[in-house]
Amino acid sequence: MKTYIKSSPHFFSLIKRAFWLCTALLFLLALLIPAPLQEPAKLAVVPNPAKSAWFLLWTQELVSYRVWLIYPVLLAGVLFTALPWLIRKAPDKAAWFGPRHRMIAVSVQVFFLGMVVLTVIALFFRGENWAFVLPF
């Protein structure tokens, strides 16, 4: 037990800093990138396509390719919910990207990068009728 470090002041202070950094970053993004909201909906006139908020655009972009692609999104949601239970045995030492968790860490990072790429495509490269356009 002498090689262990108490998590209370060390680990949780790191988590608190990461939480506040992510919160500030999200707040800044929300200020800089407005959600593409339109006027209140009129049932007689429906725009084609109506873009969702920027944080959901990756899902809309994915479903625009094939409708059945919503199922991998739902499966990823279930897997992310189950992440704490995917590791059967507690590691001897805590590590951010330890060798025992490499598959899960890489999967989460790839999924996150895919979400970012699809959001950028949907936000800046999609025009009228969901056509691919250049942003300049």
C-alpha atoms as a PDB file:
ATOM      1  CA  MET A   1       0.000   0.000   0.000  1.00  0.00           C
ATOM      2  CA  LYS A   2       2.999   2.315   0.274  1.00  0.00           C
ATOM      3  CA  THR A   3       3.201   2.724  -3.514  1.00  0.00           C
ATOM      4  CA  TYR A   4      -0.395   3.944  -3.786  1.00  0.00           C
ATOM      5  CA  ILE A   5      -1.312   7.617  -3.822  1.00  0.00           C
ATOM      6  CA  LYS A   6      -4.540   8.757  -2.202  1.00  0.00           C
ATOM      7  CA  SER A   7      -6.988   9.887  -4.831  1.00  0.00           C
ATOM      8  CA  SER A   8      -8.784  12.432  -2.714  1.00  0.00           C
ATOM      9  CA  PRO A   9      -6.684  15.574  -3.092  1.00  0.00           C
ATOM     10  CA  HIS A  10      -4.611  14.609  -6.143  1.00  0.00           C
ATOM     11  CA  PHE A  11      -6.930  12.905  -8.600  1.00  0.00           C
ATOM     12  CA  PHE A  12     -10.079  14.863  -7.844  1.00  0.00           C
ATOM     13  CA  SER A  13      -8.343  18.205  -8.160  1.00  0.00           C
ATOM     14  CA  LEU A  14      -7.252  17.124 -11.643  1.00  0.00           C
ATOM     15  CA  ILE A  15     -10.813  16.073 -12.454  1.00  0.00           C
ATOM     16  CA  LYS A  16     -12.167  19.418 -11.192  1.00  0.00           C
ATOM     17  CA  ARG A  17      -9.699  21.335 -13.372  1.00  0.00           C
ATOM     18  CA  ALA A  18     -10.622  19.252 -16.424  1.00  0.00           C
ATOM     19  CA  PHE A  19     -14.327  19.770 -15.702  1.00  0.00           C
ATOM     20  CA  TRP A  20     -13.986  23.555 -15.486  1.00  0.00           C
ATOM     21  CA  LEU A  21     -11.785  23.671 -18.585  1.00  0.00           C
ATOM     22  CA  CYS A  22     -14.318  21.659 -20.601  1.00  0.00           C
ATOM     23  CA  THR A  23     -17.180  23.774 -19.264  1.00  0.00           C
ATOM     24  CA  ALA A  24     -15.390  26.991 -20.248  1.00  0.00           C
ATOM     25  CA  LEU A  25     -14.560  25.570 -23.672  1.00  0.00           C
ATOM     26  CA  LEU A  26     -18.188  24.547 -24.290  1.00  0.00           C
ATOM     27  CA  PHE A  27     -19.400  27.947 -23.110  1.00  0.00           C
ATOM     28  CA  LEU A  28     -16.973  29.663 -25.473  1.00  0.00           C
ATOM     29  CA  LEU A  29     -18.038  27.444 -28.379  1.00  0.00           C
ATOM     30  CA  ALA A  30     -21.696  28.169 -27.628  1.00  0.00           C
ATOM     31  CA  LEU A  31     -20.949  31.886 -27.756  1.00  0.00           C
ATOM     32  CA  LEU A  32     -18.873  31.742 -30.944  1.00  0.00           C
ATOM     33  CA  ILE A  33     -20.871  29.223 -32.977  1.00  0.00           C
ATOM     34  CA  PRO A  34     -24.576  29.994 -32.848  1.00  0.00           C
ATOM     35  CA  ALA A  35     -27.070  27.194 -33.314  1.00  0.00           C
ATOM     36  CA  PRO A  36     -28.593  27.440 -36.811  1.00  0.00           C
ATOM     37  CA  LEU A  37     -32.077  28.025 -35.452  1.00  0.00           C
ATOM     38  CA  GLN A  38     -34.757  29.602 -37.588  1.00  0.00           C
ATOM     39  CA  GLU A  39     -38.005  31.430 -36.946  1.00  0.00           C
ATOM     40  CA  PRO A  40     -40.850  29.506 -35.268  1.00  0.00           C
ATOM     41  CA  ALA A  41     -42.099  26.614 -37.376  1.00  0.00           C
ATOM     42  CA  LYS A  42     -45.019  27.037 -39.777  1.00  0.00           C
ATOM     43  CA  LEU A  43     -46.739  23.816 -40.722  1.00  0.00           C
ATOM     44  CA  ALA A  44     -47.562  25.104 -44.215  1.00  0.00           C
ATOM     45  CA  VAL A  45     -43.927  25.927 -45.082  1.00  0.00           C
ATOM     46  CA  VAL A  46     -41.254  23.415 -44.117  1.00  0.00           C
ATOM     47  CA  PRO A  47     -37.640  24.289 -44.989  1.00  0.00           C
ATOM     48  CA  ASN A  48     -35.599  21.625 -46.715  1.00  0.00           C
ATOM     49  CA  PRO A  49     -33.461  20.664 -44.846  1.00  0.00           C
ATOM     50  CA  ALA A  50     -33.949  22.150 -41.424  1.00  0.00           C
ATOM     51  CA  LYS A  51     -30.584  21.946 -39.666  1.00  0.00           C
ATOM     52  CA  SER A  52     -30.496  20.889 -36.059  1.00  0.00           C
ATOM     53  CA  ALA A  53     -28.370  22.552 -33.393  1.00  0.00           C
ATOM     54  CA  TRP A  54     -24.601  22.328 -33.957  1.00  0.00           C
ATOM     55  CA  PHE A  55     -24.087  19.701 -31.247  1.00  0.00           C
ATOM     56  CA  LEU A  56     -26.539  17.345 -33.006  1.00  0.00           C
ATOM     57  CA  LEU A  57     -25.412  18.027 -36.578  1.00  0.00           C
ATOM     58  CA  TRP A  58     -23.104  14.990 -36.649  1.00  0.00           C
ATOM     59  CA  THR A  59     -26.106  12.717 -36.096  1.00  0.00           C
ATOM     60  CA  GLN A  60     -28.092  14.490 -38.803  1.00  0.00           C
ATOM     61  CA  GLU A  61     -25.125  14.272 -41.177  1.00  0.00           C
ATOM     62  CA  LEU A  62     -24.703  10.561 -40.501  1.00  0.00           C
ATOM     63  CA  VAL A  63     -28.375   9.798 -41.031  1.00  0.00           C
ATOM     64  CA  SER A  64     -28.360  11.831 -44.266  1.00  0.00           C
ATOM     65  CA  TYR A  65     -26.108   9.156 -45.814  1.00  0.00           C
ATOM     66  CA  ARG A  66     -28.210   6.157 -44.781  1.00  0.00           C
ATOM     67  CA  VAL A  67     -31.183   6.008 -42.410  1.00  0.00           C
ATOM     68  CA  TRP A  68     -30.012   2.793 -40.767  1.00  0.00           C
ATOM     69  CA  LEU A  69     -26.825   4.538 -39.533  1.00  0.00           C
ATOM     70  CA  ILE A  70     -28.802   5.724 -36.509  1.00  0.00           C
ATOM     71  CA  TYR A  71     -28.409   2.219 -35.048  1.00  0.00           C
ATOM     72  CA  PRO A  72     -24.602   2.438 -34.594  1.00  0.00           C
ATOM     73  CA  VAL A  73     -25.176   5.815 -32.888  1.00  0.00           C
ATOM     74  CA  LEU A  74     -27.645   4.200 -30.479  1.00  0.00           C
ATOM     75  CA  LEU A  75     -25.260   1.273 -29.920  1.00  0.00           C
ATOM     76  CA  ALA A  76     -22.413   3.708 -29.157  1.00  0.00           C
ATOM     77  CA  GLY A  77     -24.662   5.446 -26.629  1.00  0.00           C
ATOM     78  CA  VAL A  78     -25.330   2.127 -24.896  1.00  0.00           C
ATOM     79  CA  LEU A  79     -21.610   1.247 -24.929  1.00  0.00           C
ATOM     80  CA  PHE A  80     -20.610   4.635 -23.519  1.00  0.00           C
ATOM     81  CA  THR A  81     -23.172   4.168 -20.772  1.00  0.00           C
ATOM     82  CA  ALA A  82     -21.661   0.755 -20.010  1.00  0.00           C
ATOM     83  CA  LEU A  83     -18.017   1.927 -20.080  1.00  0.00           C
ATOM     84  CA  PRO A  84     -17.528   1.722 -16.294  1.00  0.00           C
ATOM     85  CA  TRP A  85     -18.550  -1.948 -16.340  1.00  0.00           C
ATOM     86  CA  LEU A  86     -16.497  -2.985 -19.384  1.00  0.00           C
ATOM     87  CA  ILE A  87     -13.327  -3.356 -17.315  1.00  0.00           C
ATOM     88  CA  ARG A  88     -13.548  -6.546 -15.280  1.00  0.00           C
ATOM     89  CA  LYS A  89     -10.603  -6.194 -12.908  1.00  0.00           C
ATOM     90  CA  ALA A  90      -9.286  -3.023 -11.325  1.00  0.00           C
ATOM     91  CA  PRO A  91      -5.756  -2.161 -12.456  1.00  0.00           C
ATOM     92  CA  ASP A  92      -2.846  -2.123 -10.021  1.00  0.00           C
ATOM     93  CA  LYS A  93      -2.024   1.474 -10.852  1.00  0.00           C
ATOM     94  CA  ALA A  94      -4.237   4.136 -12.354  1.00  0.00           C
ATOM     95  CA  ALA A  95      -3.184   5.429 -15.766  1.00  0.00           C
ATOM     96  CA  TRP A  96      -4.949   7.625 -18.281  1.00  0.00           C
ATOM     97  CA  PHE A  97      -4.093   5.521 -21.326  1.00  0.00           C
ATOM     98  CA  GLY A  98      -2.775   2.355 -19.756  1.00  0.00           C
ATOM     99  CA  PRO A  99      -2.076  -0.735 -21.836  1.00  0.00           C
ATOM    100  CA  ARG A 100      -5.069  -2.597 -20.378  1.00  0.00           C
ATOM    101  CA  HIS A 101      -7.479   0.115 -21.507  1.00  0.00           C
ATOM    102  CA  ARG A 102      -5.914   0.949 -24.854  1.00  0.00           C
ATOM    103  CA  MET A 103      -8.757  -0.555 -26.931  1.00  0.00           C
ATOM    104  CA  ILE A 104     -11.425   1.403 -25.082  1.00  0.00           C
ATOM    105  CA  ALA A 105      -9.398   4.652 -25.134  1.00  0.00           C
ATOM    106  CA  VAL A 106      -8.698   4.399 -28.864  1.00  0.00           C
ATOM    107  CA  SER A 107     -12.346   3.539 -29.617  1.00  0.00           C
ATOM    108  CA  VAL A 108     -13.624   6.541 -27.674  1.00  0.00           C
ATOM    109  CA  GLN A 109     -11.104   8.873 -29.339  1.00  0.00           C
ATOM    110  CA  VAL A 110     -11.940   7.605 -32.838  1.00  0.00           C
ATOM    111  CA  PHE A 111     -15.653   8.019 -32.159  1.00  0.00           C
ATOM    112  CA  PHE A 112     -15.093  11.555 -30.837  1.00  0.00           C
ATOM    113  CA  LEU A 113     -12.971  12.556 -33.846  1.00  0.00           C
ATOM    114  CA  GLY A 114     -15.630  11.146 -36.158  1.00  0.00           C
ATOM    115  CA  MET A 115     -18.236  13.264 -34.393  1.00  0.00           C
ATOM    116  CA  VAL A 116     -16.083  16.382 -34.797  1.00  0.00           C
ATOM    117  CA  VAL A 117     -15.430  15.731 -38.507  1.00  0.00           C
ATOM    118  CA  LEU A 118     -19.122  15.099 -39.246  1.00  0.00           C
ATOM    119  CA  THR A 119     -20.119  18.226 -37.303  1.00  0.00           C
ATOM    120  CA  VAL A 120     -17.662  20.384 -39.276  1.00  0.00           C
ATOM    121  CA  ILE A 121     -18.910  18.933 -42.571  1.00  0.00           C
ATOM    122  CA  ALA A 122     -22.552  19.487 -41.653  1.00  0.00           C
ATOM    123  CA  LEU A 123     -21.973  22.992 -40.291  1.00  0.00           C
ATOM    124  CA  PHE A 124     -19.700  24.468 -42.957  1.00  0.00           C
ATOM    125  CA  PHE A 125     -19.987  22.271 -46.076  1.00  0.00           C
ATOM    126  CA  ARG A 126     -23.750  21.617 -46.360  1.00  0.00           C
ATOM    127  CA  GLY A 127     -25.966  23.977 -48.298  1.00  0.00           C
ATOM    128  CA  GLU A 128     -29.421  24.028 -49.826  1.00  0.00           C
ATOM    129  CA  ASN A 129     -31.115  20.614 -50.032  1.00  0.00           C
ATOM    130  CA  TRP A 130     -28.204  19.044 -48.157  1.00  0.00           C
ATOM    131  CA  ALA A 131     -25.849  19.559 -51.108  1.00  0.00           C
ATOM    132  CA  PHE A 132     -22.090  19.603 -50.554  1.00  0.00           C
ATOM    133  CA  VAL A 133     -20.778  23.182 -50.960  1.00  0.00           C
ATOM    134  CA  LEU A 134     -17.498  24.960 -50.265  1.00  0.00           C
ATOM    135  CA  PRO A 135     -17.610  27.440 -47.367  1.00  0.00           C
ATOM    136  CA  PHE A 136     -15.932  30.297 -49.281  1.00  0.00           C
END
